[in-house]
Every structure is written in C-alpha cells, then in structure tokens.
N, C-alpha and C. Protein backbone atom coordinates (compact mmCIF):
# COMPACT_ATOMS: atom_id res chain seq x y z
N MET A 1 -16.83 -7.02 -2.19
CA MET A 1 -15.78 -6.58 -1.28
C MET A 1 -15.26 -5.22 -1.70
N ALA A 2 -14.93 -4.42 -0.74
CA ALA A 2 -14.37 -3.09 -1.00
C ALA A 2 -12.85 -3.16 -0.96
N ASP A 3 -12.23 -2.45 -1.89
CA ASP A 3 -10.77 -2.40 -1.93
C ASP A 3 -10.23 -1.53 -0.80
N ILE A 4 -9.13 -1.98 -0.23
CA ILE A 4 -8.35 -1.19 0.71
C ILE A 4 -6.96 -1.06 0.09
N ILE A 5 -6.56 0.16 -0.22
CA ILE A 5 -5.27 0.40 -0.86
C ILE A 5 -4.19 0.49 0.22
N LEU A 6 -3.16 -0.33 0.08
CA LEU A 6 -2.03 -0.30 1.02
C LEU A 6 -0.91 0.53 0.41
N ASP A 7 -0.60 1.64 1.04
CA ASP A 7 0.49 2.49 0.59
C ASP A 7 1.81 1.72 0.72
N THR A 8 2.79 2.12 -0.04
CA THR A 8 4.09 1.43 -0.03
C THR A 8 4.69 1.39 1.37
N ASN A 9 4.50 2.42 2.17
CA ASN A 9 5.10 2.41 3.51
C ASN A 9 4.46 1.32 4.38
N ILE A 10 3.21 0.98 4.15
CA ILE A 10 2.57 -0.10 4.90
C ILE A 10 3.12 -1.45 4.44
N VAL A 11 3.34 -1.61 3.16
CA VAL A 11 3.93 -2.84 2.63
C VAL A 11 5.33 -3.03 3.20
N LEU A 12 6.10 -1.95 3.23
CA LEU A 12 7.45 -2.02 3.81
C LEU A 12 7.39 -2.38 5.29
N ASP A 13 6.46 -1.78 6.02
CA ASP A 13 6.31 -2.11 7.44
C ASP A 13 5.97 -3.58 7.62
N TYR A 14 5.08 -4.09 6.80
CA TYR A 14 4.66 -5.48 6.91
C TYR A 14 5.83 -6.43 6.64
N LEU A 15 6.61 -6.15 5.62
CA LEU A 15 7.67 -7.06 5.19
C LEU A 15 8.97 -6.94 5.98
N SER A 16 9.10 -5.89 6.76
CA SER A 16 10.36 -5.66 7.48
C SER A 16 10.13 -5.61 8.98
N PRO A 17 10.46 -6.69 9.70
CA PRO A 17 10.19 -6.74 11.14
C PRO A 17 10.95 -5.70 11.96
N THR A 18 11.94 -5.06 11.40
CA THR A 18 12.70 -4.07 12.16
C THR A 18 12.07 -2.67 12.10
N ARG A 19 11.07 -2.49 11.26
CA ARG A 19 10.44 -1.18 11.14
C ARG A 19 9.51 -0.93 12.32
N GLU A 20 9.45 0.32 12.73
CA GLU A 20 8.72 0.73 13.94
C GLU A 20 7.24 0.32 13.92
N LYS A 21 6.60 0.40 12.79
CA LYS A 21 5.17 0.11 12.69
C LYS A 21 4.88 -1.28 12.11
N HIS A 22 5.84 -2.17 12.20
CA HIS A 22 5.68 -3.53 11.66
C HIS A 22 4.44 -4.22 12.22
N LEU A 23 4.27 -4.21 13.53
CA LEU A 23 3.14 -4.93 14.14
C LEU A 23 1.79 -4.33 13.74
N ASP A 24 1.72 -3.02 13.55
CA ASP A 24 0.49 -2.39 13.08
C ASP A 24 0.14 -2.90 11.68
N ALA A 25 1.15 -2.97 10.83
CA ALA A 25 0.93 -3.44 9.46
C ALA A 25 0.50 -4.91 9.45
N VAL A 26 1.12 -5.72 10.28
CA VAL A 26 0.75 -7.13 10.38
C VAL A 26 -0.69 -7.25 10.87
N ASP A 27 -1.03 -6.51 11.91
CA ASP A 27 -2.40 -6.56 12.46
C ASP A 27 -3.43 -6.17 11.41
N VAL A 28 -3.20 -5.09 10.72
CA VAL A 28 -4.21 -4.63 9.76
C VAL A 28 -4.34 -5.61 8.60
N LEU A 29 -3.22 -6.12 8.11
CA LEU A 29 -3.32 -7.04 6.98
C LEU A 29 -4.00 -8.35 7.39
N GLU A 30 -3.68 -8.86 8.56
CA GLU A 30 -4.34 -10.08 9.03
C GLU A 30 -5.85 -9.87 9.15
N GLN A 31 -6.25 -8.74 9.72
CA GLN A 31 -7.68 -8.45 9.89
C GLN A 31 -8.38 -8.29 8.54
N VAL A 32 -7.74 -7.61 7.62
CA VAL A 32 -8.34 -7.41 6.30
C VAL A 32 -8.46 -8.74 5.56
N LEU A 33 -7.43 -9.56 5.64
CA LEU A 33 -7.47 -10.86 4.96
C LEU A 33 -8.53 -11.79 5.55
N GLU A 34 -8.78 -11.67 6.83
CA GLU A 34 -9.79 -12.50 7.48
C GLU A 34 -11.21 -11.97 7.26
N SER A 35 -11.31 -10.73 6.85
CA SER A 35 -12.60 -10.09 6.67
C SER A 35 -13.22 -10.50 5.33
N ASP A 36 -14.52 -10.57 5.31
CA ASP A 36 -15.25 -10.78 4.06
C ASP A 36 -15.65 -9.44 3.44
N MET A 37 -15.27 -8.34 4.10
CA MET A 37 -15.68 -7.02 3.66
C MET A 37 -14.66 -6.32 2.77
N TYR A 38 -13.40 -6.65 2.95
CA TYR A 38 -12.34 -5.87 2.30
C TYR A 38 -11.36 -6.74 1.53
N GLU A 39 -10.81 -6.14 0.48
CA GLU A 39 -9.78 -6.77 -0.34
C GLU A 39 -8.53 -5.90 -0.29
N PRO A 40 -7.39 -6.42 0.23
CA PRO A 40 -6.17 -5.61 0.24
C PRO A 40 -5.59 -5.48 -1.16
N VAL A 41 -5.23 -4.25 -1.52
CA VAL A 41 -4.72 -3.96 -2.86
C VAL A 41 -3.40 -3.21 -2.72
N ILE A 42 -2.41 -3.66 -3.49
CA ILE A 42 -1.15 -2.92 -3.59
C ILE A 42 -0.98 -2.50 -5.04
N LEU A 43 -0.14 -1.53 -5.26
CA LEU A 43 0.10 -1.03 -6.61
C LEU A 43 1.26 -1.76 -7.25
N ALA A 44 1.10 -2.10 -8.51
CA ALA A 44 2.20 -2.72 -9.25
C ALA A 44 3.44 -1.82 -9.19
N ALA A 45 3.22 -0.52 -9.30
CA ALA A 45 4.34 0.43 -9.24
C ALA A 45 5.03 0.39 -7.88
N GLY A 46 4.29 0.08 -6.82
CA GLY A 46 4.86 0.02 -5.48
C GLY A 46 5.73 -1.20 -5.25
N ILE A 47 5.52 -2.25 -6.04
CA ILE A 47 6.32 -3.46 -5.89
C ILE A 47 7.79 -3.17 -6.16
N LYS A 48 8.06 -2.45 -7.22
CA LYS A 48 9.46 -2.14 -7.54
C LYS A 48 10.08 -1.22 -6.50
N ASP A 49 9.29 -0.28 -5.97
CA ASP A 49 9.81 0.61 -4.93
C ASP A 49 10.13 -0.18 -3.67
N THR A 50 9.23 -1.08 -3.30
CA THR A 50 9.45 -1.92 -2.11
C THR A 50 10.69 -2.80 -2.31
N TYR A 51 10.81 -3.39 -3.47
CA TYR A 51 11.98 -4.24 -3.77
C TYR A 51 13.27 -3.44 -3.64
N TYR A 52 13.28 -2.25 -4.21
CA TYR A 52 14.47 -1.41 -4.16
C TYR A 52 14.83 -1.05 -2.71
N ILE A 53 13.86 -0.61 -1.94
CA ILE A 53 14.12 -0.18 -0.56
C ILE A 53 14.56 -1.35 0.31
N LEU A 54 13.87 -2.48 0.21
CA LEU A 54 14.26 -3.65 1.01
C LEU A 54 15.61 -4.19 0.56
N GLY A 55 15.88 -4.13 -0.73
CA GLY A 55 17.18 -4.56 -1.24
C GLY A 55 18.32 -3.74 -0.66
N ARG A 56 18.11 -2.45 -0.55
CA ARG A 56 19.13 -1.58 0.05
C ARG A 56 19.25 -1.85 1.55
N GLN A 57 18.11 -2.12 2.19
CA GLN A 57 18.12 -2.36 3.63
C GLN A 57 18.85 -3.65 3.97
N TYR A 58 18.59 -4.69 3.22
CA TYR A 58 19.15 -6.01 3.54
C TYR A 58 20.43 -6.33 2.77
N GLY A 59 20.75 -5.57 1.76
CA GLY A 59 21.98 -5.78 1.02
C GLY A 59 21.83 -6.78 -0.11
N GLN A 60 22.75 -6.70 -1.05
CA GLN A 60 22.71 -7.53 -2.25
C GLN A 60 22.78 -9.02 -1.94
N ARG A 61 23.50 -9.40 -0.90
CA ARG A 61 23.63 -10.83 -0.60
C ARG A 61 22.31 -11.44 -0.13
N ARG A 62 21.34 -10.60 0.23
CA ARG A 62 20.02 -11.08 0.66
C ARG A 62 18.95 -10.84 -0.41
N GLU A 63 19.38 -10.56 -1.63
CA GLU A 63 18.45 -10.22 -2.71
C GLU A 63 17.43 -11.33 -2.93
N GLU A 64 17.85 -12.57 -2.88
CA GLU A 64 16.93 -13.68 -3.11
C GLU A 64 15.84 -13.73 -2.03
N LEU A 65 16.22 -13.46 -0.80
CA LEU A 65 15.25 -13.43 0.30
C LEU A 65 14.23 -12.31 0.08
N VAL A 66 14.71 -11.13 -0.28
CA VAL A 66 13.83 -10.00 -0.53
C VAL A 66 12.86 -10.34 -1.66
N ARG A 67 13.39 -10.90 -2.73
CA ARG A 67 12.56 -11.27 -3.88
C ARG A 67 11.50 -12.30 -3.48
N ASP A 68 11.90 -13.31 -2.74
CA ASP A 68 10.96 -14.36 -2.32
C ASP A 68 9.86 -13.81 -1.41
N ARG A 69 10.24 -12.98 -0.44
CA ARG A 69 9.24 -12.42 0.48
C ARG A 69 8.25 -11.52 -0.25
N LEU A 70 8.76 -10.71 -1.15
CA LEU A 70 7.89 -9.81 -1.90
C LEU A 70 6.98 -10.59 -2.85
N ASP A 71 7.51 -11.64 -3.47
CA ASP A 71 6.70 -12.47 -4.35
C ASP A 71 5.60 -13.19 -3.56
N SER A 72 5.93 -13.71 -2.40
CA SER A 72 4.93 -14.36 -1.56
C SER A 72 3.85 -13.37 -1.12
N PHE A 73 4.27 -12.17 -0.77
CA PHE A 73 3.33 -11.14 -0.33
C PHE A 73 2.36 -10.78 -1.44
N ARG A 74 2.86 -10.58 -2.64
CA ARG A 74 1.99 -10.14 -3.74
C ARG A 74 0.95 -11.19 -4.10
N GLN A 75 1.19 -12.42 -3.70
CA GLN A 75 0.23 -13.48 -4.01
C GLN A 75 -0.95 -13.54 -3.04
N ILE A 76 -0.86 -12.82 -1.91
CA ILE A 76 -1.99 -12.82 -0.97
C ILE A 76 -2.81 -11.54 -1.05
N VAL A 77 -2.40 -10.63 -1.92
CA VAL A 77 -3.12 -9.38 -2.12
C VAL A 77 -3.46 -9.24 -3.59
N THR A 78 -4.29 -8.27 -3.90
CA THR A 78 -4.57 -7.93 -5.30
C THR A 78 -3.57 -6.87 -5.73
N VAL A 79 -3.05 -7.03 -6.94
CA VAL A 79 -2.09 -6.06 -7.48
C VAL A 79 -2.81 -5.21 -8.53
N ALA A 80 -2.86 -3.90 -8.27
CA ALA A 80 -3.50 -2.96 -9.20
C ALA A 80 -2.51 -2.54 -10.27
N GLU A 81 -2.93 -2.63 -11.50
CA GLU A 81 -2.08 -2.27 -12.62
C GLU A 81 -1.86 -0.76 -12.70
N LEU A 82 -0.74 -0.40 -13.25
CA LEU A 82 -0.45 1.01 -13.54
C LEU A 82 -0.92 1.27 -14.97
N THR A 83 -2.04 1.93 -15.10
CA THR A 83 -2.66 2.16 -16.41
C THR A 83 -2.52 3.60 -16.85
N GLY A 84 -2.85 3.85 -18.10
CA GLY A 84 -2.85 5.22 -18.61
C GLY A 84 -3.83 6.10 -17.86
N ASP A 85 -5.01 5.56 -17.52
CA ASP A 85 -5.99 6.33 -16.75
C ASP A 85 -5.45 6.73 -15.39
N VAL A 86 -4.76 5.80 -14.74
CA VAL A 86 -4.16 6.10 -13.43
C VAL A 86 -3.11 7.20 -13.59
N LEU A 87 -2.25 7.06 -14.58
CA LEU A 87 -1.21 8.07 -14.79
C LEU A 87 -1.80 9.43 -15.14
N ASP A 88 -2.82 9.45 -15.99
CA ASP A 88 -3.45 10.73 -16.35
C ASP A 88 -3.98 11.43 -15.10
N ARG A 89 -4.67 10.68 -14.27
CA ARG A 89 -5.24 11.26 -13.05
C ARG A 89 -4.13 11.66 -12.07
N ALA A 90 -3.08 10.85 -11.97
CA ALA A 90 -1.97 11.15 -11.04
C ALA A 90 -1.25 12.44 -11.45
N PHE A 91 -0.96 12.59 -12.73
CA PHE A 91 -0.27 13.79 -13.19
C PHE A 91 -1.15 15.03 -13.03
N ALA A 92 -2.45 14.87 -13.13
CA ALA A 92 -3.37 16.01 -13.00
C ALA A 92 -3.72 16.32 -11.55
N SER A 93 -3.35 15.44 -10.62
CA SER A 93 -3.75 15.64 -9.22
C SER A 93 -2.92 16.74 -8.56
N ASP A 94 -3.38 17.17 -7.40
CA ASP A 94 -2.65 18.17 -6.64
C ASP A 94 -1.73 17.54 -5.60
N GLU A 95 -1.53 16.24 -5.68
CA GLU A 95 -0.58 15.59 -4.77
C GLU A 95 0.83 16.09 -5.12
N PRO A 96 1.61 16.52 -4.13
CA PRO A 96 2.95 17.05 -4.42
C PRO A 96 3.95 15.99 -4.85
N ASP A 97 3.65 14.73 -4.56
CA ASP A 97 4.54 13.63 -4.89
C ASP A 97 3.84 12.74 -5.91
N LEU A 98 4.50 12.40 -7.02
CA LEU A 98 3.86 11.60 -8.06
C LEU A 98 3.46 10.23 -7.54
N GLU A 99 4.29 9.61 -6.72
CA GLU A 99 3.93 8.30 -6.17
C GLU A 99 2.61 8.40 -5.40
N ASP A 100 2.45 9.44 -4.59
CA ASP A 100 1.18 9.64 -3.88
C ASP A 100 0.04 9.88 -4.86
N GLY A 101 0.32 10.59 -5.93
CA GLY A 101 -0.69 10.81 -6.95
C GLY A 101 -1.15 9.51 -7.58
N ILE A 102 -0.23 8.58 -7.78
CA ILE A 102 -0.57 7.27 -8.35
C ILE A 102 -1.41 6.46 -7.37
N VAL A 103 -1.04 6.49 -6.09
CA VAL A 103 -1.83 5.79 -5.07
C VAL A 103 -3.23 6.38 -5.02
N ARG A 104 -3.31 7.68 -4.95
CA ARG A 104 -4.62 8.36 -4.88
C ARG A 104 -5.47 8.05 -6.11
N ALA A 105 -4.87 8.15 -7.29
CA ALA A 105 -5.62 7.89 -8.53
C ALA A 105 -6.13 6.46 -8.56
N THR A 106 -5.30 5.52 -8.15
CA THR A 106 -5.72 4.13 -8.12
C THR A 106 -6.90 3.95 -7.17
N ALA A 107 -6.79 4.52 -5.98
CA ALA A 107 -7.86 4.41 -4.98
C ALA A 107 -9.15 5.02 -5.50
N GLU A 108 -9.07 6.19 -6.11
CA GLU A 108 -10.28 6.84 -6.59
C GLU A 108 -10.90 6.10 -7.77
N LEU A 109 -10.09 5.64 -8.70
CA LEU A 109 -10.62 4.92 -9.86
C LEU A 109 -11.23 3.57 -9.47
N ARG A 110 -10.73 2.97 -8.39
CA ARG A 110 -11.26 1.69 -7.93
C ARG A 110 -12.38 1.87 -6.90
N ASN A 111 -12.72 3.14 -6.59
CA ASN A 111 -13.72 3.43 -5.57
C ASN A 111 -13.41 2.69 -4.26
N ALA A 112 -12.15 2.77 -3.86
CA ALA A 112 -11.70 2.08 -2.65
C ALA A 112 -12.37 2.65 -1.41
N ALA A 113 -12.43 1.82 -0.39
CA ALA A 113 -13.01 2.25 0.89
C ALA A 113 -12.03 3.09 1.69
N ALA A 114 -10.72 2.84 1.50
CA ALA A 114 -9.71 3.58 2.27
C ALA A 114 -8.33 3.38 1.67
N ILE A 115 -7.45 4.32 2.00
CA ILE A 115 -6.02 4.19 1.75
C ILE A 115 -5.37 4.07 3.12
N ILE A 116 -4.64 2.99 3.33
CA ILE A 116 -3.93 2.82 4.60
C ILE A 116 -2.49 3.27 4.38
N THR A 117 -2.06 4.22 5.21
CA THR A 117 -0.76 4.85 5.03
C THR A 117 -0.22 5.35 6.35
N ARG A 118 1.08 5.61 6.39
CA ARG A 118 1.66 6.30 7.54
C ARG A 118 1.89 7.78 7.22
N ASP A 119 1.62 8.17 5.99
CA ASP A 119 1.83 9.54 5.54
C ASP A 119 0.55 10.34 5.78
N ALA A 120 0.44 10.91 6.96
CA ALA A 120 -0.79 11.57 7.39
C ALA A 120 -1.16 12.76 6.50
N GLU A 121 -0.18 13.40 5.89
CA GLU A 121 -0.46 14.59 5.10
C GLU A 121 -0.83 14.27 3.66
N ALA A 122 -0.49 13.09 3.20
CA ALA A 122 -0.83 12.72 1.83
C ALA A 122 -2.32 12.42 1.73
N TYR A 123 -2.85 12.58 0.56
CA TYR A 123 -4.21 12.19 0.22
C TYR A 123 -5.28 13.02 0.90
N ALA A 124 -4.94 14.16 1.47
CA ALA A 124 -5.92 14.98 2.18
C ALA A 124 -7.06 15.43 1.26
N ALA A 125 -6.78 15.64 -0.01
CA ALA A 125 -7.80 16.10 -0.93
C ALA A 125 -8.49 14.96 -1.68
N SER A 126 -8.11 13.75 -1.39
CA SER A 126 -8.69 12.60 -2.07
C SER A 126 -10.14 12.37 -1.66
N THR A 127 -10.90 11.82 -2.58
CA THR A 127 -12.27 11.42 -2.26
C THR A 127 -12.30 10.13 -1.44
N VAL A 128 -11.16 9.44 -1.38
CA VAL A 128 -11.02 8.21 -0.60
C VAL A 128 -10.34 8.58 0.72
N PRO A 129 -10.92 8.22 1.86
CA PRO A 129 -10.28 8.57 3.13
C PRO A 129 -8.97 7.82 3.32
N SER A 130 -8.00 8.52 3.90
CA SER A 130 -6.73 7.88 4.24
C SER A 130 -6.61 7.82 5.75
N MET A 131 -5.95 6.77 6.22
CA MET A 131 -5.79 6.59 7.67
C MET A 131 -4.64 5.64 7.93
N THR A 132 -4.17 5.67 9.17
CA THR A 132 -3.13 4.73 9.58
C THR A 132 -3.74 3.34 9.75
N ALA A 133 -2.88 2.37 9.91
CA ALA A 133 -3.34 1.00 10.15
C ALA A 133 -4.19 0.93 11.41
N ARG A 134 -3.74 1.58 12.49
CA ARG A 134 -4.49 1.58 13.75
C ARG A 134 -5.85 2.24 13.57
N GLU A 135 -5.87 3.38 12.89
CA GLU A 135 -7.14 4.07 12.66
C GLU A 135 -8.10 3.19 11.86
N PHE A 136 -7.58 2.51 10.86
CA PHE A 136 -8.43 1.62 10.08
C PHE A 136 -9.04 0.53 10.94
N LEU A 137 -8.23 -0.06 11.80
CA LEU A 137 -8.75 -1.13 12.67
C LEU A 137 -9.82 -0.60 13.62
N GLN A 138 -9.66 0.63 14.10
CA GLN A 138 -10.63 1.21 15.01
C GLN A 138 -11.92 1.65 14.32
N ARG A 139 -11.80 2.19 13.10
CA ARG A 139 -12.96 2.77 12.42
C ARG A 139 -13.71 1.80 11.52
N MET A 140 -12.97 0.94 10.84
CA MET A 140 -13.57 0.20 9.73
C MET A 140 -13.86 -1.28 10.03
N LEU A 141 -13.21 -1.82 11.04
CA LEU A 141 -13.44 -3.25 11.32
C LEU A 141 -14.16 -3.46 12.63
C-alpha cells in the first residue's frame, strides 16, 4: 500500500463538521480507508496542532470531546513519528513554514503517493505531489 499524507488542515476538516471542506475530507478519507491501494497517514506533530485548534474552537468545557474524537481518529490512520531525519530534512527544505517542511519531509522519506492538503501553494517543490481532497479522488482513485 502507498502512503497518503493528510495535512493538518484535512484532519481539521474531517473532525470539524462546521468547516467548509468537511465533506471533502470525509469523502477522501472514506475512499482511502476502503481502498486496498492507499494507507492514510497523519503526522504525530499534527496531532497536537489539531488538538490545540479544535480545543480553541470548541472551548475548554468540550476538551474531553475533542480528546476522544482525536483519539478515535488516530486509531483508524497510521501515525508517522517525528524523527531526527524528518527534522533534518524539514529544516533544510525550502518550505517557508516549518510545519509544511515537516509534512513534506515525512512524505518524501516515506515515498508517499500524495500529500492531501488545502494549501495549494505548499509543497510545490516536493517530489511528492500535493493535491486537494477532490483532486485526489479524481486523479488517484
């Protein structure tokens, strides 16, 4: 199976029904999970970012819900570790944002088939193609 790297914005879209691209994220993840061709991968570093953003969105009184949803989500995908090799490549990359550098480095080191993202400008120089959820469904499945 080929890895498909899910950018943090796709994870946020999937977990938050109020986000504009929620249904796209749900569609792509369902298709990838049903496929024998692809393995959805999220970054360990992205888990904390997702937790922080959803925690702010839903408020402290919903912290347990956010934690439970994120924990359930991480159990249906593969979680890529944040390693020294990933960090070395991320810091050396030409990505203007370190988080994007970490996503790109992870995708390249894992020889992923694609990075699914809503950030059209990120990953342009990556050896791994990046695309939106809709583009992935049209091109890859």
